[in-house]
C-alpha cells in the first residue's frame, strides 16, 4: 500500500539525488503551478487559497533571486534580478487588487524562464559526465560494448 510517509520519502530521495539544474527546474515548475492556482483562486473568490498560493510563489521567486551569483554572470544575474523583482511586484498587485491576470503573467514569465533553463540544463548535463557508481557502471558497460 502506498502511503503518505512513503511518498514523502520518495520525494526526499529525489531531491537529495537531483542535480542543481534539476532542482532549479523543479523550483520553476512548482512556482508556475502555484501561480496558476493563485490565479484560479482569485477567479473563484477564494481569498484564503489565493493568499497561500501567492505566498508560495513569492517565496520561490525570492529564493531564485537570492541564489543568483553575480560574480559568475553579472549581466545575466542583473537582468534576472530585475525580472524577479518585477514578478514580486506583480504578485503583490495580484494579492492586493485580486487580479488573476497579474498572477497569470507571472506564471507565463516563469514558464518562459523554465523553457530556457530546460535547454541550458540539458546541454550542461550532456557536456558534463555523470558521477556516481551507476554512472561508472554505465560508462564501463558502454565502453565494453564498443
C-alpha atoms as a PDB file:
ATOM      1  CA  UNK A   1       0.000   0.000   0.000  1.00  0.00           C
ATOM      2  CA  UNK A   2       1.328   3.408  -0.993  1.00  0.00           C
ATOM      3  CA  UNK A   3       1.116   5.791   1.949  1.00  0.00           C
ATOM      4  CA  UNK A   4       1.953   9.425   2.680  1.00  0.00           C
ATOM      5  CA  UNK A   5       5.175   8.555   4.521  1.00  0.00           C
ATOM      6  CA  UNK A   6       6.402   6.524   1.556  1.00  0.00           C
ATOM      7  CA  UNK A   7       5.519   9.342  -0.821  1.00  0.00           C
ATOM      8  CA  UNK A   8       7.415  11.885   1.288  1.00  0.00           C
ATOM      9  CA  UNK A   9      10.455   9.613   1.480  1.00  0.00           C
ATOM     10  CA  UNK A  10      10.364   9.029  -2.287  1.00  0.00           C
ATOM     11  CA  UNK A  11      10.224  12.783  -2.889  1.00  0.00           C
ATOM     12  CA  UNK A  12      13.042  13.409  -0.391  1.00  0.00           C
ATOM     13  CA  UNK A  13      15.323  10.919  -2.146  1.00  0.00           C
ATOM     14  CA  UNK A  14      14.514  12.575  -5.476  1.00  0.00           C
ATOM     15  CA  UNK A  15      15.524  15.971  -4.116  1.00  0.00           C
ATOM     16  CA  UNK A  16      18.685  14.613  -2.496  1.00  0.00           C
ATOM     17  CA  UNK A  17      19.851  12.932  -5.701  1.00  0.00           C
ATOM     18  CA  UNK A  18      18.832  15.641  -8.181  1.00  0.00           C
ATOM     19  CA  UNK A  19      21.419  17.796  -9.894  1.00  0.00           C
ATOM     20  CA  UNK A  20      21.418  21.544  -9.207  1.00  0.00           C
ATOM     21  CA  UNK A  21      19.897  22.058 -12.662  1.00  0.00           C
ATOM     22  CA  UNK A  22      17.111  19.582 -11.958  1.00  0.00           C
ATOM     23  CA  UNK A  23      16.379  21.323  -8.650  1.00  0.00           C
ATOM     24  CA  UNK A  24      16.214  24.682 -10.432  1.00  0.00           C
ATOM     25  CA  UNK A  25      13.724  23.287 -12.934  1.00  0.00           C
ATOM     26  CA  UNK A  26      11.673  21.782 -10.105  1.00  0.00           C
ATOM     27  CA  UNK A  27      11.518  25.183  -8.390  1.00  0.00           C
ATOM     28  CA  UNK A  28      10.314  26.827 -11.593  1.00  0.00           C
ATOM     29  CA  UNK A  29       7.689  24.099 -12.170  1.00  0.00           C
ATOM     30  CA  UNK A  30       6.413  24.426  -8.628  1.00  0.00           C
ATOM     31  CA  UNK A  31       6.251  28.225  -8.822  1.00  0.00           C
ATOM     32  CA  UNK A  32       4.346  28.020 -12.113  1.00  0.00           C
ATOM     33  CA  UNK A  33       1.843  25.597 -10.586  1.00  0.00           C
ATOM     34  CA  UNK A  34       1.317  27.859  -7.535  1.00  0.00           C
ATOM     35  CA  UNK A  35       0.918  30.988  -9.703  1.00  0.00           C
ATOM     36  CA  UNK A  36      -1.734  29.281 -11.815  1.00  0.00           C
ATOM     37  CA  UNK A  37      -3.517  28.026  -8.677  1.00  0.00           C
ATOM     38  CA  UNK A  38      -3.438  31.570  -7.275  1.00  0.00           C
ATOM     39  CA  UNK A  39      -4.999  32.952 -10.454  1.00  0.00           C
ATOM     40  CA  UNK A  40      -7.731  30.312 -10.305  1.00  0.00           C
ATOM     41  CA  UNK A  41      -8.329  31.019  -6.608  1.00  0.00           C
ATOM     42  CA  UNK A  42      -8.765  34.723  -7.409  1.00  0.00           C
ATOM     43  CA  UNK A  43     -11.260  33.864 -10.153  1.00  0.00           C
ATOM     44  CA  UNK A  44     -13.125  31.593  -7.731  1.00  0.00           C
ATOM     45  CA  UNK A  45     -13.165  34.234  -4.991  1.00  0.00           C
ATOM     46  CA  UNK A  46     -11.184  32.045  -2.602  1.00  0.00           C
ATOM     47  CA  UNK A  47      -9.063  34.668  -0.862  1.00  0.00           C
ATOM     48  CA  UNK A  48      -7.531  32.236   1.636  1.00  0.00           C
ATOM     49  CA  UNK A  49      -6.208  29.913  -1.079  1.00  0.00           C
ATOM     50  CA  UNK A  50      -5.149  32.926  -3.144  1.00  0.00           C
ATOM     51  CA  UNK A  51      -3.048  34.221  -0.268  1.00  0.00           C
ATOM     52  CA  UNK A  52      -1.464  30.840   0.379  1.00  0.00           C
ATOM     53  CA  UNK A  53      -0.561  30.239  -3.251  1.00  0.00           C
ATOM     54  CA  UNK A  54       0.782  33.763  -3.806  1.00  0.00           C
ATOM     55  CA  UNK A  55       2.950  33.431  -0.680  1.00  0.00           C
ATOM     56  CA  UNK A  56       4.369  30.185  -2.031  1.00  0.00           C
ATOM     57  CA  UNK A  57       5.180  31.699  -5.444  1.00  0.00           C
ATOM     58  CA  UNK A  58       6.713  34.746  -3.807  1.00  0.00           C
ATOM     59  CA  UNK A  59       8.916  32.586  -1.571  1.00  0.00           C
ATOM     60  CA  UNK A  60      10.214  30.620  -4.555  1.00  0.00           C
ATOM     61  CA  UNK A  61      10.852  33.748  -6.630  1.00  0.00           C
ATOM     62  CA  UNK A  62      12.665  35.244  -3.624  1.00  0.00           C
ATOM     63  CA  UNK A  63      14.787  32.107  -3.324  1.00  0.00           C
ATOM     64  CA  UNK A  64      15.619  32.183  -7.036  1.00  0.00           C
ATOM     65  CA  UNK A  65      16.710  35.821  -6.692  1.00  0.00           C
ATOM     66  CA  UNK A  66      18.814  35.142  -3.595  1.00  0.00           C
ATOM     67  CA  UNK A  67      20.801  32.374  -5.277  1.00  0.00           C
ATOM     68  CA  UNK A  68      21.965  34.474  -8.235  1.00  0.00           C
ATOM     69  CA  UNK A  69      25.767  34.503  -8.434  1.00  0.00           C
ATOM     70  CA  UNK A  70      26.651  37.910  -9.820  1.00  0.00           C
ATOM     71  CA  UNK A  71      30.363  37.055  -9.801  1.00  0.00           C
ATOM     72  CA  UNK A  72      29.849  34.308 -12.391  1.00  0.00           C
ATOM     73  CA  UNK A  73      27.469  36.065 -14.809  1.00  0.00           C
ATOM     74  CA  UNK A  74      26.915  39.683 -13.767  1.00  0.00           C
ATOM     75  CA  UNK A  75      24.852  40.790 -16.775  1.00  0.00           C
ATOM     76  CA  UNK A  76      22.569  37.739 -16.749  1.00  0.00           C
ATOM     77  CA  UNK A  77      22.136  37.905 -12.986  1.00  0.00           C
ATOM     78  CA  UNK A  78      21.342  41.611 -13.144  1.00  0.00           C
ATOM     79  CA  UNK A  79      18.614  41.008 -15.706  1.00  0.00           C
ATOM     80  CA  UNK A  80      17.176  38.038 -13.834  1.00  0.00           C
ATOM     81  CA  UNK A  81      17.203  40.034 -10.609  1.00  0.00           C
ATOM     82  CA  UNK A  82      15.194  42.806 -12.293  1.00  0.00           C
ATOM     83  CA  UNK A  83      12.751  40.257 -13.692  1.00  0.00           C
ATOM     84  CA  UNK A  84      12.329  38.566 -10.292  1.00  0.00           C
ATOM     85  CA  UNK A  85      11.721  41.982  -8.705  1.00  0.00           C
ATOM     86  CA  UNK A  86       9.078  42.706 -11.345  1.00  0.00           C
ATOM     87  CA  UNK A  87       7.442  39.347 -10.631  1.00  0.00           C
ATOM     88  CA  UNK A  88       7.330  40.163  -6.919  1.00  0.00           C
ATOM     89  CA  UNK A  89       5.617  43.480  -7.747  1.00  0.00           C
ATOM     90  CA  UNK A  90       3.040  41.698  -9.921  1.00  0.00           C
ATOM     91  CA  UNK A  91       2.407  39.092  -7.208  1.00  0.00           C
ATOM     92  CA  UNK A  92       1.819  41.874  -4.687  1.00  0.00           C
ATOM     93  CA  UNK A  93      -0.547  43.571  -7.121  1.00  0.00           C
ATOM     94  CA  UNK A  94      -2.390  40.284  -7.723  1.00  0.00           C
ATOM     95  CA  UNK A  95      -2.815  39.911  -3.980  1.00  0.00           C
ATOM     96  CA  UNK A  96      -3.978  43.453  -3.247  1.00  0.00           C
ATOM     97  CA  UNK A  97      -6.113  44.047  -6.353  1.00  0.00           C
ATOM     98  CA  UNK A  98      -7.382  40.461  -6.660  1.00  0.00           C
ATOM     99  CA  UNK A  99      -6.034  40.465 -10.213  1.00  0.00           C
ATOM    100  CA  UNK A 100      -5.873  36.963 -11.695  1.00  0.00           C
ATOM    101  CA  UNK A 101      -4.189  38.303 -14.839  1.00  0.00           C
ATOM    102  CA  UNK A 102      -1.207  39.529 -12.806  1.00  0.00           C
ATOM    103  CA  UNK A 103      -0.746  36.046 -11.331  1.00  0.00           C
ATOM    104  CA  UNK A 104      -1.065  34.516 -14.811  1.00  0.00           C
ATOM    105  CA  UNK A 105       1.523  36.986 -16.113  1.00  0.00           C
ATOM    106  CA  UNK A 106       3.984  35.740 -13.500  1.00  0.00           C
ATOM    107  CA  UNK A 107       3.174  32.136 -14.429  1.00  0.00           C
ATOM    108  CA  UNK A 108       3.864  32.951 -18.087  1.00  0.00           C
ATOM    109  CA  UNK A 109       7.169  34.668 -17.286  1.00  0.00           C
ATOM    110  CA  UNK A 110       8.221  31.708 -15.153  1.00  0.00           C
ATOM    111  CA  UNK A 111       7.216  29.337 -17.963  1.00  0.00           C
ATOM    112  CA  UNK A 112       9.432  31.203 -20.426  1.00  0.00           C
ATOM    113  CA  UNK A 113      12.353  31.039 -17.997  1.00  0.00           C
ATOM    114  CA  UNK A 114      11.661  27.351 -17.321  1.00  0.00           C
ATOM    115  CA  UNK A 115      11.817  26.600 -21.045  1.00  0.00           C
ATOM    116  CA  UNK A 116      15.141  28.409 -21.398  1.00  0.00           C
ATOM    117  CA  UNK A 117      16.644  26.751 -18.348  1.00  0.00           C
ATOM    118  CA  UNK A 118      15.420  23.345 -19.512  1.00  0.00           C
ATOM    119  CA  UNK A 119      17.544  23.693 -22.633  1.00  0.00           C
ATOM    120  CA  UNK A 120      20.534  25.043 -20.693  1.00  0.00           C
ATOM    121  CA  UNK A 121      20.375  22.270 -18.086  1.00  0.00           C
ATOM    122  CA  UNK A 122      20.087  19.570 -20.748  1.00  0.00           C
ATOM    123  CA  UNK A 123      23.097  20.968 -22.580  1.00  0.00           C
ATOM    124  CA  UNK A 124      25.145  21.264 -19.385  1.00  0.00           C
ATOM    125  CA  UNK A 125      24.306  17.693 -18.390  1.00  0.00           C
ATOM    126  CA  UNK A 126      25.296  16.397 -21.839  1.00  0.00           C
ATOM    127  CA  UNK A 127      28.644  18.169 -21.589  1.00  0.00           C
ATOM    128  CA  UNK A 128      29.361  17.055 -18.029  1.00  0.00           C
ATOM    129  CA  UNK A 129      29.995  13.359 -17.436  1.00  0.00           C
ATOM    130  CA  UNK A 130      27.687  11.725 -14.930  1.00  0.00           C
ATOM    131  CA  UNK A 131      29.055  10.875 -11.484  1.00  0.00           C
ATOM    132  CA  UNK A 132      28.450   8.099  -9.031  1.00  0.00           C
ATOM    133  CA  UNK A 133      28.577   4.285  -9.103  1.00  0.00           C
ATOM    134  CA  UNK A 134      25.681   3.842 -11.525  1.00  0.00           C
ATOM    135  CA  UNK A 135      27.249   6.275 -13.990  1.00  0.00           C
ATOM    136  CA  UNK A 136      30.603   4.495 -13.759  1.00  0.00           C
ATOM    137  CA  UNK A 137      28.914   1.134 -14.408  1.00  0.00           C
ATOM    138  CA  UNK A 138      27.023   2.549 -17.395  1.00  0.00           C
ATOM    139  CA  UNK A 139      30.216   4.054 -18.795  1.00  0.00           C
ATOM    140  CA  UNK A 140      32.075   0.767 -18.313  1.00  0.00           C
ATOM    141  CA  UNK A 141      29.244  -1.168 -19.985  1.00  0.00           C
ATOM    142  CA  UNK A 142      29.208   1.254 -22.902  1.00  0.00           C
ATOM    143  CA  UNK A 143      32.990   1.006 -23.267  1.00  0.00           C
ATOM    144  CA  UNK A 144      32.843  -2.813 -23.163  1.00  0.00           C
ATOM    145  CA  UNK A 145      30.171  -2.844 -25.848  1.00  0.00           C
ATOM    146  CA  UNK A 146      32.293  -0.909 -28.346  1.00  0.00           C
END
